[in-house]
């Protein structure tokens, strides 16, 4: 399948949270702890980490810079800088292990469709949603936790 790219959280957002100890755009305190078990970093898009690895939890608006109305929610990133996921025509393998929700948005943050993927076969769902002309981009969310993971757009 071709024609999509997965967009992880910008390094600058995570770096600001790391440097200031505050949620970018909101000023809420960042919570730091050691995360045991799988948790998805919104920068590298990896879930598996060494036991006790430090992570930061903060408020993030997944619509920042795209839409005028925010939709903030909690996200995790590594406490130390990590390698940002770059994904043209490639889906993060580690995220196939969780139930996923793909929300298809049109302009004005209008939710046009919602699809669930339980078996990791996400590419056909991405293709079908992005084939719709009125869809501007997709948000990838963890179905059980409801939290934002990444944005998916058509490849340039």
C-alpha atoms as a PDB file:
ATOM      1  CA  UNK A   1       0.000   0.000   0.000  1.00  0.00           C
ATOM      2  CA  UNK A   2       1.289   3.460  -0.724  1.00  0.00           C
ATOM      3  CA  UNK A   3       0.149   6.973  -0.248  1.00  0.00           C
ATOM      4  CA  UNK A   4       0.126   7.616   3.493  1.00  0.00           C
ATOM      5  CA  UNK A   5       2.454   8.887   6.157  1.00  0.00           C
ATOM      6  CA  UNK A   6       2.292   8.580   9.923  1.00  0.00           C
ATOM      7  CA  UNK A   7       3.109  11.821  11.717  1.00  0.00           C
ATOM      8  CA  UNK A   8       4.396  11.530  15.259  1.00  0.00           C
ATOM      9  CA  UNK A   9       4.376  14.362  17.782  1.00  0.00           C
ATOM     10  CA  UNK A  10       6.889  17.060  16.800  1.00  0.00           C
ATOM     11  CA  UNK A  11      10.200  16.937  18.662  1.00  0.00           C
ATOM     12  CA  UNK A  12       9.752  20.607  19.588  1.00  0.00           C
ATOM     13  CA  UNK A  13       6.579  19.875  21.577  1.00  0.00           C
ATOM     14  CA  UNK A  14       8.158  17.056  23.561  1.00  0.00           C
ATOM     15  CA  UNK A  15      11.359  19.081  24.049  1.00  0.00           C
ATOM     16  CA  UNK A  16       9.359  22.000  25.460  1.00  0.00           C
ATOM     17  CA  UNK A  17       7.607  19.718  27.963  1.00  0.00           C
ATOM     18  CA  UNK A  18      10.959  18.213  28.960  1.00  0.00           C
ATOM     19  CA  UNK A  19      12.652  21.612  29.348  1.00  0.00           C
ATOM     20  CA  UNK A  20       9.907  23.526  31.152  1.00  0.00           C
ATOM     21  CA  UNK A  21       8.082  20.804  33.076  1.00  0.00           C
ATOM     22  CA  UNK A  22       4.831  22.282  31.731  1.00  0.00           C
ATOM     23  CA  UNK A  23       2.337  21.145  29.096  1.00  0.00           C
ATOM     24  CA  UNK A  24       2.931  23.205  25.932  1.00  0.00           C
ATOM     25  CA  UNK A  25       0.041  25.566  25.341  1.00  0.00           C
ATOM     26  CA  UNK A  26      -1.623  24.789  28.662  1.00  0.00           C
ATOM     27  CA  UNK A  27       0.892  25.294  31.438  1.00  0.00           C
ATOM     28  CA  UNK A  28      -0.262  22.238  33.393  1.00  0.00           C
ATOM     29  CA  UNK A  29       2.549  20.518  35.292  1.00  0.00           C
ATOM     30  CA  UNK A  30       4.196  17.589  33.545  1.00  0.00           C
ATOM     31  CA  UNK A  31       4.061  14.368  35.572  1.00  0.00           C
ATOM     32  CA  UNK A  32       7.247  12.265  35.555  1.00  0.00           C
ATOM     33  CA  UNK A  33       7.405   8.637  36.621  1.00  0.00           C
ATOM     34  CA  UNK A  34       8.849   5.239  35.746  1.00  0.00           C
ATOM     35  CA  UNK A  35       6.642   3.348  33.367  1.00  0.00           C
ATOM     36  CA  UNK A  36       6.506  -0.399  33.718  1.00  0.00           C
ATOM     37  CA  UNK A  37       4.766  -2.390  31.040  1.00  0.00           C
ATOM     38  CA  UNK A  38       3.930  -1.138  27.567  1.00  0.00           C
ATOM     39  CA  UNK A  39       3.085   2.533  27.046  1.00  0.00           C
ATOM     40  CA  UNK A  40       3.171   4.409  23.739  1.00  0.00           C
ATOM     41  CA  UNK A  41       5.643   7.278  23.361  1.00  0.00           C
ATOM     42  CA  UNK A  42       4.081   9.842  20.996  1.00  0.00           C
ATOM     43  CA  UNK A  43       7.450  10.743  19.490  1.00  0.00           C
ATOM     44  CA  UNK A  44       9.059   7.376  18.625  1.00  0.00           C
ATOM     45  CA  UNK A  45       5.693   5.525  18.596  1.00  0.00           C
ATOM     46  CA  UNK A  46       7.178   2.590  20.503  1.00  0.00           C
ATOM     47  CA  UNK A  47       5.292   0.804  23.292  1.00  0.00           C
ATOM     48  CA  UNK A  48       7.949  -1.572  24.595  1.00  0.00           C
ATOM     49  CA  UNK A  49      10.542  -0.030  26.930  1.00  0.00           C
ATOM     50  CA  UNK A  50      13.065  -1.245  29.505  1.00  0.00           C
ATOM     51  CA  UNK A  51      11.530  -1.660  32.969  1.00  0.00           C
ATOM     52  CA  UNK A  52      11.616   1.550  34.967  1.00  0.00           C
ATOM     53  CA  UNK A  53      12.384   3.815  32.018  1.00  0.00           C
ATOM     54  CA  UNK A  54      11.393   7.411  32.850  1.00  0.00           C
ATOM     55  CA  UNK A  55       8.445   8.925  31.018  1.00  0.00           C
ATOM     56  CA  UNK A  56       6.556  12.198  31.049  1.00  0.00           C
ATOM     57  CA  UNK A  57       2.781  12.571  31.031  1.00  0.00           C
ATOM     58  CA  UNK A  58       1.309  15.880  29.887  1.00  0.00           C
ATOM     59  CA  UNK A  59      -1.622  17.554  28.148  1.00  0.00           C
ATOM     60  CA  UNK A  60      -1.406  17.776  24.359  1.00  0.00           C
ATOM     61  CA  UNK A  61      -3.742  19.230  21.729  1.00  0.00           C
ATOM     62  CA  UNK A  62      -3.636  16.920  18.705  1.00  0.00           C
ATOM     63  CA  UNK A  63      -5.388  19.604  16.633  1.00  0.00           C
ATOM     64  CA  UNK A  64      -2.853  22.367  17.362  1.00  0.00           C
ATOM     65  CA  UNK A  65      -1.936  24.119  14.115  1.00  0.00           C
ATOM     66  CA  UNK A  66      -4.633  22.261  12.161  1.00  0.00           C
ATOM     67  CA  UNK A  67      -7.931  23.447  13.590  1.00  0.00           C
ATOM     68  CA  UNK A  68      -9.064  26.422  15.685  1.00  0.00           C
ATOM     69  CA  UNK A  69     -10.855  24.300  18.320  1.00  0.00           C
ATOM     70  CA  UNK A  70      -8.619  22.271  20.632  1.00  0.00           C
ATOM     71  CA  UNK A  71      -9.151  18.747  21.868  1.00  0.00           C
ATOM     72  CA  UNK A  72      -6.557  18.269  24.603  1.00  0.00           C
ATOM     73  CA  UNK A  73      -5.758  14.958  26.180  1.00  0.00           C
ATOM     74  CA  UNK A  74      -3.029  13.064  28.037  1.00  0.00           C
ATOM     75  CA  UNK A  75       0.062  11.770  26.223  1.00  0.00           C
ATOM     76  CA  UNK A  76       3.328  10.069  27.191  1.00  0.00           C
ATOM     77  CA  UNK A  77       6.814  10.743  25.867  1.00  0.00           C
ATOM     78  CA  UNK A  78      10.219   9.498  26.939  1.00  0.00           C
ATOM     79  CA  UNK A  79      11.816  11.674  29.609  1.00  0.00           C
ATOM     80  CA  UNK A  80      14.978  11.654  27.478  1.00  0.00           C
ATOM     81  CA  UNK A  81      14.947  12.597  23.810  1.00  0.00           C
ATOM     82  CA  UNK A  82      14.230   9.666  21.478  1.00  0.00           C
ATOM     83  CA  UNK A  83      14.305   9.119  17.713  1.00  0.00           C
ATOM     84  CA  UNK A  84      11.108  10.503  16.146  1.00  0.00           C
ATOM     85  CA  UNK A  85       9.172   8.032  14.005  1.00  0.00           C
ATOM     86  CA  UNK A  86       9.277   8.853  10.305  1.00  0.00           C
ATOM     87  CA  UNK A  87       6.718   6.851   8.419  1.00  0.00           C
ATOM     88  CA  UNK A  88       6.043   7.299   4.726  1.00  0.00           C
ATOM     89  CA  UNK A  89       4.069   4.224   3.642  1.00  0.00           C
ATOM     90  CA  UNK A  90       5.117   2.540   6.874  1.00  0.00           C
ATOM     91  CA  UNK A  91       3.067   1.901   9.997  1.00  0.00           C
ATOM     92  CA  UNK A  92       4.703   1.581  13.457  1.00  0.00           C
ATOM     93  CA  UNK A  93       4.908  -2.165  14.059  1.00  0.00           C
ATOM     94  CA  UNK A  94       4.615  -1.839  17.826  1.00  0.00           C
ATOM     95  CA  UNK A  95       1.217  -0.100  17.526  1.00  0.00           C
ATOM     96  CA  UNK A  96      -0.265  -3.095  15.666  1.00  0.00           C
ATOM     97  CA  UNK A  97      -0.385  -4.875  19.032  1.00  0.00           C
ATOM     98  CA  UNK A  98      -3.155  -2.673  20.453  1.00  0.00           C
ATOM     99  CA  UNK A  99      -6.761  -2.075  19.408  1.00  0.00           C
ATOM    100  CA  UNK A 100      -6.806   1.039  17.253  1.00  0.00           C
ATOM    101  CA  UNK A 101      -9.414   3.610  16.326  1.00  0.00           C
ATOM    102  CA  UNK A 102      -8.968   5.691  13.193  1.00  0.00           C
ATOM    103  CA  UNK A 103     -10.949   8.926  13.155  1.00  0.00           C
ATOM    104  CA  UNK A 104     -11.303  10.539   9.729  1.00  0.00           C
ATOM    105  CA  UNK A 105     -11.598  14.329   9.840  1.00  0.00           C
ATOM    106  CA  UNK A 106     -12.641  16.882   7.266  1.00  0.00           C
ATOM    107  CA  UNK A 107     -11.993  20.591   7.482  1.00  0.00           C
ATOM    108  CA  UNK A 108     -13.323  22.305  10.587  1.00  0.00           C
ATOM    109  CA  UNK A 109     -12.530  19.238  12.714  1.00  0.00           C
ATOM    110  CA  UNK A 110     -15.625  17.537  11.365  1.00  0.00           C
ATOM    111  CA  UNK A 111     -15.580  13.838  12.222  1.00  0.00           C
ATOM    112  CA  UNK A 112     -16.549  12.017   9.028  1.00  0.00           C
ATOM    113  CA  UNK A 113     -15.897   8.383   9.880  1.00  0.00           C
ATOM    114  CA  UNK A 114     -14.549   6.130  12.592  1.00  0.00           C
ATOM    115  CA  UNK A 115     -13.069   2.680  12.017  1.00  0.00           C
ATOM    116  CA  UNK A 116     -11.704   0.125  14.470  1.00  0.00           C
ATOM    117  CA  UNK A 117      -8.790  -2.232  13.891  1.00  0.00           C
ATOM    118  CA  UNK A 118      -8.316  -5.110  16.320  1.00  0.00           C
ATOM    119  CA  UNK A 119      -6.001  -7.371  14.297  1.00  0.00           C
ATOM    120  CA  UNK A 120      -3.164  -5.018  13.268  1.00  0.00           C
ATOM    121  CA  UNK A 121      -4.254  -4.939   9.601  1.00  0.00           C
ATOM    122  CA  UNK A 122      -4.437  -1.162   9.517  1.00  0.00           C
ATOM    123  CA  UNK A 123      -3.277  -0.365   5.947  1.00  0.00           C
ATOM    124  CA  UNK A 124      -6.550  -1.297   4.188  1.00  0.00           C
ATOM    125  CA  UNK A 125      -8.499   0.868   6.641  1.00  0.00           C
ATOM    126  CA  UNK A 126      -6.104   3.799   6.111  1.00  0.00           C
ATOM    127  CA  UNK A 127      -6.425   3.391   2.335  1.00  0.00           C
ATOM    128  CA  UNK A 128     -10.215   3.308   2.419  1.00  0.00           C
ATOM    129  CA  UNK A 129     -10.504   6.362   4.659  1.00  0.00           C
ATOM    130  CA  UNK A 130      -7.931   8.443   2.757  1.00  0.00           C
ATOM    131  CA  UNK A 131      -9.613   7.504  -0.540  1.00  0.00           C
ATOM    132  CA  UNK A 132     -12.529   9.690   0.498  1.00  0.00           C
ATOM    133  CA  UNK A 133     -11.937  13.149  -0.998  1.00  0.00           C
ATOM    134  CA  UNK A 134     -13.560  14.958   1.928  1.00  0.00           C
ATOM    135  CA  UNK A 135     -11.128  13.406   4.448  1.00  0.00           C
ATOM    136  CA  UNK A 136      -8.272  15.797   5.283  1.00  0.00           C
ATOM    137  CA  UNK A 137      -6.399  13.575   7.769  1.00  0.00           C
ATOM    138  CA  UNK A 138      -6.813  10.761  10.271  1.00  0.00           C
ATOM    139  CA  UNK A 139      -6.189  10.602  13.992  1.00  0.00           C
ATOM    140  CA  UNK A 140      -4.926   7.323  15.339  1.00  0.00           C
ATOM    141  CA  UNK A 141      -6.147   6.542  18.848  1.00  0.00           C
ATOM    142  CA  UNK A 142      -5.835   3.675  21.302  1.00  0.00           C
ATOM    143  CA  UNK A 143      -9.345   2.187  21.379  1.00  0.00           C
ATOM    144  CA  UNK A 144      -9.400   1.086  25.037  1.00  0.00           C
ATOM    145  CA  UNK A 145      -7.601   4.090  26.549  1.00  0.00           C
ATOM    146  CA  UNK A 146      -9.086   6.567  24.063  1.00  0.00           C
ATOM    147  CA  UNK A 147      -5.837   8.510  23.870  1.00  0.00           C
ATOM    148  CA  UNK A 148      -4.302  10.123  20.796  1.00  0.00           C
ATOM    149  CA  UNK A 149      -1.323   8.326  19.249  1.00  0.00           C
ATOM    150  CA  UNK A 150      -0.493   9.985  15.908  1.00  0.00           C
ATOM    151  CA  UNK A 151      -1.853  11.696  12.798  1.00  0.00           C
ATOM    152  CA  UNK A 152      -2.025  10.042   9.373  1.00  0.00           C
ATOM    153  CA  UNK A 153      -2.115  12.017   6.127  1.00  0.00           C
ATOM    154  CA  UNK A 154      -1.832  11.319   2.435  1.00  0.00           C
ATOM    155  CA  UNK A 155       1.795  11.146   1.323  1.00  0.00           C
ATOM    156  CA  UNK A 156       3.004  14.173  -0.641  1.00  0.00           C
END
